């Protein structure tokens, strides 16, 4: 019995020593490899970027009408992707409303309807609470969100009269940012 305990103890000590050596060997071999740089470029977040042509799309509004980005051809447009459950989206909504009303620059709110728990029903309930003065488009299949490669909500694009993206913001926007980017 005493021999078995001694044998098991030696085996365990050998395993621990082997694992320790293996870990040290891996550590020292990685020390010679160059470090991976941390990206500081906003483009790693994904999505379309400033200077790219804004893809066209057509979506149904909450009122049931079809609306197309082409309907605004030749005009500057603010395109905002949002969801009713998103706190930053709720925070920026008054800024978008005020901006659209005061400047006359069209604001299009694209709701990420496929991400809403109850779909259009959640959007309708939210808009009863917070009425907006700009068109709310329902991206029920997530096709436009995917085309624009939206990775976070809210995401706002400013599209120039020539159809090219002139500004982008991942996260909430305010009136001053909108005014500055639409000059």
Protein backbone atom coordinates (compact mmCIF):
# COMPACT_ATOMS: atom_id res chain seq x y z
CA UNK A 1 0.00 0.00 0.00
CA UNK A 2 2.85 2.32 0.91
CA UNK A 3 4.52 1.60 -2.45
CA UNK A 4 1.32 2.51 -4.36
CA UNK A 5 1.11 5.89 -2.61
CA UNK A 6 4.76 6.57 -3.38
CA UNK A 7 4.31 5.59 -7.06
CA UNK A 8 1.19 7.74 -7.45
CA UNK A 9 2.99 10.69 -5.78
CA UNK A 10 5.95 10.36 -8.15
CA UNK A 11 3.67 10.14 -11.19
CA UNK A 12 1.76 13.25 -10.06
CA UNK A 13 4.99 15.18 -9.43
CA UNK A 14 6.26 14.18 -12.88
CA UNK A 15 3.03 15.33 -14.56
CA UNK A 16 3.07 18.67 -12.77
CA UNK A 17 6.73 19.23 -13.64
CA UNK A 18 6.05 18.33 -17.29
CA UNK A 19 3.11 20.69 -17.54
CA UNK A 20 5.13 23.47 -15.91
CA UNK A 21 7.96 22.99 -18.40
CA UNK A 22 5.53 22.88 -21.33
CA UNK A 23 3.90 26.15 -20.20
CA UNK A 24 7.28 27.83 -19.74
CA UNK A 25 8.42 26.64 -23.16
CA UNK A 26 5.28 28.08 -24.83
CA UNK A 27 5.69 31.34 -22.93
CA UNK A 28 9.29 31.84 -24.02
CA UNK A 29 8.57 30.92 -27.65
CA UNK A 30 5.78 33.54 -27.82
CA UNK A 31 8.05 36.20 -26.32
CA UNK A 32 10.05 36.26 -29.59
CA UNK A 33 6.99 36.77 -31.79
CA UNK A 34 6.02 40.33 -32.72
CA UNK A 35 3.05 41.71 -30.79
CA UNK A 36 -0.25 42.07 -32.58
CA UNK A 37 -1.10 45.75 -32.89
CA UNK A 38 -4.37 47.00 -31.50
CA UNK A 39 -6.48 48.65 -34.15
CA UNK A 40 -7.34 52.26 -33.45
CA UNK A 41 -9.11 52.85 -36.75
CA UNK A 42 -12.90 53.32 -36.53
CA UNK A 43 -13.30 51.27 -39.71
CA UNK A 44 -12.79 48.05 -37.76
CA UNK A 45 -16.29 48.58 -36.41
CA UNK A 46 -17.63 47.71 -39.83
CA UNK A 47 -20.30 49.39 -41.82
CA UNK A 48 -20.10 51.56 -44.87
CA UNK A 49 -17.63 54.41 -44.65
CA UNK A 50 -17.46 58.08 -45.61
CA UNK A 51 -16.81 58.44 -49.32
CA UNK A 52 -18.74 55.32 -50.33
CA UNK A 53 -21.93 55.49 -52.36
CA UNK A 54 -25.02 54.89 -50.22
CA UNK A 55 -26.82 51.76 -51.44
CA UNK A 56 -30.38 52.31 -52.59
CA UNK A 57 -33.27 50.63 -50.83
CA UNK A 58 -37.04 50.70 -50.52
CA UNK A 59 -38.89 49.92 -47.30
CA UNK A 60 -42.41 50.17 -45.96
CA UNK A 61 -43.15 52.97 -43.50
CA UNK A 62 -45.13 52.45 -40.29
CA UNK A 63 -48.09 53.92 -42.20
CA UNK A 64 -47.80 51.17 -44.82
CA UNK A 65 -46.42 53.29 -47.68
CA UNK A 66 -43.32 52.32 -49.67
CA UNK A 67 -40.46 54.81 -49.41
CA UNK A 68 -37.18 54.68 -51.30
CA UNK A 69 -33.86 56.41 -50.79
CA UNK A 70 -34.15 57.30 -54.49
CA UNK A 71 -37.18 59.47 -53.55
CA UNK A 72 -34.62 61.87 -52.04
CA UNK A 73 -32.21 61.88 -54.98
CA UNK A 74 -30.46 65.23 -55.29
CA UNK A 75 -31.08 66.09 -51.62
CA UNK A 76 -28.98 65.66 -48.54
CA UNK A 77 -30.45 63.01 -46.18
CA UNK A 78 -29.83 61.84 -42.63
CA UNK A 79 -30.28 58.07 -42.35
CA UNK A 80 -30.60 56.76 -38.78
CA UNK A 81 -30.74 53.07 -37.79
CA UNK A 82 -32.45 52.51 -34.44
CA UNK A 83 -34.58 50.19 -32.27
CA UNK A 84 -37.22 50.90 -29.64
CA UNK A 85 -35.41 48.90 -26.93
CA UNK A 86 -32.11 50.79 -27.44
CA UNK A 87 -31.50 53.46 -24.72
CA UNK A 88 -29.03 55.55 -26.79
CA UNK A 89 -31.54 55.48 -29.67
CA UNK A 90 -34.23 56.85 -27.36
CA UNK A 91 -31.78 59.48 -26.09
CA UNK A 92 -30.98 60.86 -29.54
CA UNK A 93 -34.54 60.86 -30.90
CA UNK A 94 -35.46 64.40 -29.73
CA UNK A 95 -32.26 65.68 -31.37
CA UNK A 96 -33.16 64.05 -34.69
CA UNK A 97 -36.71 65.39 -34.53
CA UNK A 98 -35.53 68.94 -33.75
CA UNK A 99 -32.87 68.81 -36.45
CA UNK A 100 -35.28 67.67 -39.15
CA UNK A 101 -37.89 70.26 -38.18
CA UNK A 102 -35.47 73.19 -37.87
CA UNK A 103 -33.29 72.58 -40.93
CA UNK A 104 -35.70 70.94 -43.37
CA UNK A 105 -33.08 68.29 -44.14
CA UNK A 106 -34.91 64.96 -44.42
CA UNK A 107 -34.33 62.45 -41.63
CA UNK A 108 -35.19 58.81 -42.32
CA UNK A 109 -35.45 56.53 -39.31
CA UNK A 110 -34.78 52.90 -40.26
CA UNK A 111 -36.08 50.70 -37.46
CA UNK A 112 -34.23 47.39 -37.04
CA UNK A 113 -37.62 45.65 -36.83
CA UNK A 114 -36.18 42.14 -36.99
CA UNK A 115 -34.46 42.94 -33.66
CA UNK A 116 -37.67 44.06 -31.96
CA UNK A 117 -39.19 41.47 -29.63
CA UNK A 118 -42.68 41.76 -31.13
CA UNK A 119 -41.75 43.36 -34.44
CA UNK A 120 -43.93 46.20 -35.73
CA UNK A 121 -46.12 45.99 -32.63
CA UNK A 122 -43.19 47.24 -30.48
CA UNK A 123 -42.46 50.03 -32.97
CA UNK A 124 -46.10 51.18 -32.98
CA UNK A 125 -46.23 51.17 -29.17
CA UNK A 126 -43.02 53.18 -28.96
CA UNK A 127 -44.23 55.74 -31.51
CA UNK A 128 -47.44 56.21 -29.48
CA UNK A 129 -45.18 57.19 -26.59
CA UNK A 130 -42.76 59.29 -28.64
CA UNK A 131 -44.30 60.60 -31.87
CA UNK A 132 -41.79 61.56 -34.54
CA UNK A 133 -42.07 64.03 -37.40
CA UNK A 134 -39.96 62.06 -39.88
CA UNK A 135 -40.64 58.82 -41.78
CA UNK A 136 -40.01 55.61 -39.85
CA UNK A 137 -39.11 52.73 -42.15
CA UNK A 138 -39.47 49.09 -41.11
CA UNK A 139 -36.49 46.87 -41.91
CA UNK A 140 -38.41 43.71 -41.03
CA UNK A 141 -36.00 41.28 -42.69
CA UNK A 142 -32.84 43.19 -41.73
CA UNK A 143 -31.87 43.57 -45.40
CA UNK A 144 -31.01 47.28 -45.27
CA UNK A 145 -29.24 46.89 -41.93
CA UNK A 146 -27.16 44.12 -43.53
CA UNK A 147 -26.52 46.12 -46.72
CA UNK A 148 -25.21 49.05 -44.67
CA UNK A 149 -23.35 46.56 -42.44
CA UNK A 150 -24.70 48.13 -39.27
CA UNK A 151 -22.99 46.55 -36.27
CA UNK A 152 -24.37 48.72 -33.46
CA UNK A 153 -27.44 50.82 -32.79
CA UNK A 154 -27.86 53.66 -33.22
CA UNK A 155 -25.85 54.28 -36.37
CA UNK A 156 -26.36 57.46 -38.39
CA UNK A 157 -25.23 58.26 -41.92
CA UNK A 158 -25.33 61.65 -43.61
CA UNK A 159 -25.77 61.16 -47.35
CA UNK A 160 -24.90 64.01 -49.68
CA UNK A 161 -27.04 65.20 -52.57
CA UNK A 162 -24.78 63.15 -54.87
CA UNK A 163 -25.64 59.92 -52.99
CA UNK A 164 -22.24 59.61 -51.31
CA UNK A 165 -21.87 59.14 -47.55
CA UNK A 166 -20.39 62.34 -46.11
CA UNK A 167 -20.52 61.47 -42.38
CA UNK A 168 -21.08 58.47 -40.13
CA UNK A 169 -21.63 58.09 -36.39
CA UNK A 170 -21.85 54.80 -34.51
CA UNK A 171 -23.61 55.76 -31.29
CA UNK A 172 -25.98 58.61 -30.48
CA UNK A 173 -25.86 61.92 -32.34
CA UNK A 174 -26.90 65.37 -31.20
CA UNK A 175 -28.13 68.50 -32.94
CA UNK A 176 -24.66 70.09 -33.10
CA UNK A 177 -23.09 66.99 -34.69
CA UNK A 178 -25.88 66.84 -37.26
CA UNK A 179 -25.60 70.56 -38.08
CA UNK A 180 -21.81 70.33 -38.37
CA UNK A 181 -21.94 67.28 -40.66
CA UNK A 182 -24.64 68.68 -42.96
CA UNK A 183 -23.00 72.04 -43.69
